[in-house]
């Protein structure tokens, strides 16, 4: 279930997903001034907020990808994670691999950075 969703004034977006299998935060924003946009997924270890979370992966978008496409892909990632989390036995890592395969098939990301 998508627990919360909000747009940021600078063109980013953030969604919190709570499922049977995991809780996570999906955030799309710029990496920094004059930098690329990316989507970061963090695993939330408790429902009490983001203080106990860890970054899992960052999907770095193509430099020339329009804002509307970035937000569409953000929503696609959220939909994949929300659907996969409703299935018993599907791990967050498996769902992220599915999201990564989707992004590469759409040719919208330059690379993925996984955090161990």
C-alpha atoms as a PDB file:
ATOM      1  CA  UNK A   1       0.000   0.000   0.000  1.00  0.00           C
ATOM      2  CA  UNK A   2       1.233   3.485  -0.779  1.00  0.00           C
ATOM      3  CA  UNK A   3       1.191   5.057   2.677  1.00  0.00           C
ATOM      4  CA  UNK A   4       2.069   8.573   1.522  1.00  0.00           C
ATOM      5  CA  UNK A   5       2.949  10.447  -1.638  1.00  0.00           C
ATOM      6  CA  UNK A   6       4.082  14.011  -2.161  1.00  0.00           C
ATOM      7  CA  UNK A   7       5.564  16.222  -4.848  1.00  0.00           C
ATOM      8  CA  UNK A   8       8.455  18.549  -4.067  1.00  0.00           C
ATOM      9  CA  UNK A   9       8.551  22.142  -5.392  1.00  0.00           C
ATOM     10  CA  UNK A  10      11.877  21.541  -7.181  1.00  0.00           C
ATOM     11  CA  UNK A  11      10.402  18.755  -9.328  1.00  0.00           C
ATOM     12  CA  UNK A  12      11.019  15.740  -7.117  1.00  0.00           C
ATOM     13  CA  UNK A  13       8.663  13.210  -5.639  1.00  0.00           C
ATOM     14  CA  UNK A  14       8.588  10.960  -2.577  1.00  0.00           C
ATOM     15  CA  UNK A  15       6.469   7.895  -1.796  1.00  0.00           C
ATOM     16  CA  UNK A  16       6.371   5.622   1.235  1.00  0.00           C
ATOM     17  CA  UNK A  17       5.275   2.030   0.605  1.00  0.00           C
ATOM     18  CA  UNK A  18       4.119  -0.373   3.312  1.00  0.00           C
ATOM     19  CA  UNK A  19       3.556  -3.969   2.201  1.00  0.00           C
ATOM     20  CA  UNK A  20       3.338  -7.420   3.791  1.00  0.00           C
ATOM     21  CA  UNK A  21       6.982  -8.032   2.869  1.00  0.00           C
ATOM     22  CA  UNK A  22       8.706  -4.666   3.483  1.00  0.00           C
ATOM     23  CA  UNK A  23       8.497  -0.914   4.107  1.00  0.00           C
ATOM     24  CA  UNK A  24      10.411   1.453   1.827  1.00  0.00           C
ATOM     25  CA  UNK A  25      10.837   5.053   0.730  1.00  0.00           C
ATOM     26  CA  UNK A  26      11.164   5.982  -2.956  1.00  0.00           C
ATOM     27  CA  UNK A  27      12.585   9.454  -3.557  1.00  0.00           C
ATOM     28  CA  UNK A  28      13.270  11.141  -6.893  1.00  0.00           C
ATOM     29  CA  UNK A  29      15.325  14.327  -6.837  1.00  0.00           C
ATOM     30  CA  UNK A  30      18.470  16.001  -8.105  1.00  0.00           C
ATOM     31  CA  UNK A  31      21.767  14.657  -6.788  1.00  0.00           C
ATOM     32  CA  UNK A  32      22.937  18.248  -6.328  1.00  0.00           C
ATOM     33  CA  UNK A  33      23.145  21.626  -8.048  1.00  0.00           C
ATOM     34  CA  UNK A  34      23.915  21.106 -11.763  1.00  0.00           C
ATOM     35  CA  UNK A  35      23.708  17.338 -11.241  1.00  0.00           C
ATOM     36  CA  UNK A  36      21.535  14.575 -12.637  1.00  0.00           C
ATOM     37  CA  UNK A  37      18.242  13.422 -11.228  1.00  0.00           C
ATOM     38  CA  UNK A  38      18.014  10.036  -9.604  1.00  0.00           C
ATOM     39  CA  UNK A  39      15.614   7.822  -7.703  1.00  0.00           C
ATOM     40  CA  UNK A  40      16.817   6.428  -4.399  1.00  0.00           C
ATOM     41  CA  UNK A  41      15.125   3.557  -2.598  1.00  0.00           C
ATOM     42  CA  UNK A  42      15.575   3.189   1.147  1.00  0.00           C
ATOM     43  CA  UNK A  43      14.382   0.302   3.292  1.00  0.00           C
ATOM     44  CA  UNK A  44      12.490   1.520   6.351  1.00  0.00           C
ATOM     45  CA  UNK A  45      13.041  -0.785   9.304  1.00  0.00           C
ATOM     46  CA  UNK A  46      10.112   0.467  11.388  1.00  0.00           C
ATOM     47  CA  UNK A  47       6.892   2.408  10.930  1.00  0.00           C
ATOM     48  CA  UNK A  48       8.074   5.180  13.252  1.00  0.00           C
ATOM     49  CA  UNK A  49       9.783   7.200  10.524  1.00  0.00           C
ATOM     50  CA  UNK A  50      12.888   7.435   8.396  1.00  0.00           C
ATOM     51  CA  UNK A  51      15.422   7.533  11.232  1.00  0.00           C
ATOM     52  CA  UNK A  52      15.939   3.780  11.028  1.00  0.00           C
ATOM     53  CA  UNK A  53      16.399   3.301   7.297  1.00  0.00           C
ATOM     54  CA  UNK A  54      19.146   2.272   4.928  1.00  0.00           C
ATOM     55  CA  UNK A  55      19.799   3.203   1.330  1.00  0.00           C
ATOM     56  CA  UNK A  56      19.608   0.215  -1.010  1.00  0.00           C
ATOM     57  CA  UNK A  57      19.900   1.503  -4.559  1.00  0.00           C
ATOM     58  CA  UNK A  58      20.090   4.678  -6.594  1.00  0.00           C
ATOM     59  CA  UNK A  59      18.869   4.719 -10.201  1.00  0.00           C
ATOM     60  CA  UNK A  60      20.608   7.550 -12.072  1.00  0.00           C
ATOM     61  CA  UNK A  61      18.593   8.903 -14.994  1.00  0.00           C
ATOM     62  CA  UNK A  62      19.841   9.879 -18.442  1.00  0.00           C
ATOM     63  CA  UNK A  63      20.930  13.521 -18.417  1.00  0.00           C
ATOM     64  CA  UNK A  64      18.398  14.639 -21.037  1.00  0.00           C
ATOM     65  CA  UNK A  65      15.368  12.824 -19.595  1.00  0.00           C
ATOM     66  CA  UNK A  66      12.452  15.284 -19.279  1.00  0.00           C
ATOM     67  CA  UNK A  67      10.824  15.918 -15.896  1.00  0.00           C
ATOM     68  CA  UNK A  68       7.546  14.310 -16.945  1.00  0.00           C
ATOM     69  CA  UNK A  69       9.387  11.104 -17.903  1.00  0.00           C
ATOM     70  CA  UNK A  70      11.313  11.035 -14.606  1.00  0.00           C
ATOM     71  CA  UNK A  71       8.080  11.355 -12.648  1.00  0.00           C
ATOM     72  CA  UNK A  72       6.427   8.680 -14.808  1.00  0.00           C
ATOM     73  CA  UNK A  73       9.331   6.304 -14.087  1.00  0.00           C
ATOM     74  CA  UNK A  74       9.177   7.165 -10.376  1.00  0.00           C
ATOM     75  CA  UNK A  75       5.525   6.111 -10.433  1.00  0.00           C
ATOM     76  CA  UNK A  76       6.447   2.921 -12.321  1.00  0.00           C
ATOM     77  CA  UNK A  77       9.021   2.017  -9.643  1.00  0.00           C
ATOM     78  CA  UNK A  78       6.452   2.660  -6.912  1.00  0.00           C
ATOM     79  CA  UNK A  79       3.865   0.499  -8.702  1.00  0.00           C
ATOM     80  CA  UNK A  80       6.357  -2.374  -9.116  1.00  0.00           C
ATOM     81  CA  UNK A  81       7.425  -2.245  -5.460  1.00  0.00           C
ATOM     82  CA  UNK A  82       3.838  -1.944  -4.219  1.00  0.00           C
ATOM     83  CA  UNK A  83       2.625  -4.887  -6.325  1.00  0.00           C
ATOM     84  CA  UNK A  84       5.603  -7.129  -5.566  1.00  0.00           C
ATOM     85  CA  UNK A  85       5.416  -6.440  -1.829  1.00  0.00           C
ATOM     86  CA  UNK A  86       1.884  -7.760  -1.718  1.00  0.00           C
ATOM     87  CA  UNK A  87       3.122 -11.192  -2.779  1.00  0.00           C
ATOM     88  CA  UNK A  88       4.326 -13.410   0.065  1.00  0.00           C
ATOM     89  CA  UNK A  89       7.958 -14.385  -0.313  1.00  0.00           C
ATOM     90  CA  UNK A  90       9.004 -11.550  -2.636  1.00  0.00           C
ATOM     91  CA  UNK A  91      11.953  -9.684  -1.166  1.00  0.00           C
ATOM     92  CA  UNK A  92      12.595  -5.981  -1.613  1.00  0.00           C
ATOM     93  CA  UNK A  93      15.797  -6.857  -3.474  1.00  0.00           C
ATOM     94  CA  UNK A  94      13.841  -9.008  -5.967  1.00  0.00           C
ATOM     95  CA  UNK A  95      11.336  -6.187  -6.478  1.00  0.00           C
ATOM     96  CA  UNK A  96      14.181  -3.696  -7.009  1.00  0.00           C
ATOM     97  CA  UNK A  97      15.746  -6.009  -9.593  1.00  0.00           C
ATOM     98  CA  UNK A  98      12.413  -6.022 -11.426  1.00  0.00           C
ATOM     99  CA  UNK A  99      12.279  -2.206 -11.271  1.00  0.00           C
ATOM    100  CA  UNK A 100      15.858  -1.975 -12.544  1.00  0.00           C
ATOM    101  CA  UNK A 101      15.075  -4.289 -15.475  1.00  0.00           C
ATOM    102  CA  UNK A 102      12.082  -2.088 -16.339  1.00  0.00           C
ATOM    103  CA  UNK A 103      14.183   1.108 -16.257  1.00  0.00           C
ATOM    104  CA  UNK A 104      16.894  -0.378 -18.462  1.00  0.00           C
ATOM    105  CA  UNK A 105      14.284  -1.704 -20.918  1.00  0.00           C
ATOM    106  CA  UNK A 106      12.859   1.829 -21.167  1.00  0.00           C
ATOM    107  CA  UNK A 107      16.419   3.189 -21.676  1.00  0.00           C
ATOM    108  CA  UNK A 108      15.881   5.934 -19.084  1.00  0.00           C
ATOM    109  CA  UNK A 109      18.724   5.281 -16.640  1.00  0.00           C
ATOM    110  CA  UNK A 110      22.430   5.639 -17.154  1.00  0.00           C
ATOM    111  CA  UNK A 111      23.365   3.324 -14.301  1.00  0.00           C
ATOM    112  CA  UNK A 112      22.334   1.831 -10.966  1.00  0.00           C
ATOM    113  CA  UNK A 113      24.351   2.151  -7.777  1.00  0.00           C
ATOM    114  CA  UNK A 114      23.658  -0.606  -5.245  1.00  0.00           C
ATOM    115  CA  UNK A 115      24.705  -0.189  -1.630  1.00  0.00           C
ATOM    116  CA  UNK A 116      25.857  -3.276   0.265  1.00  0.00           C
END
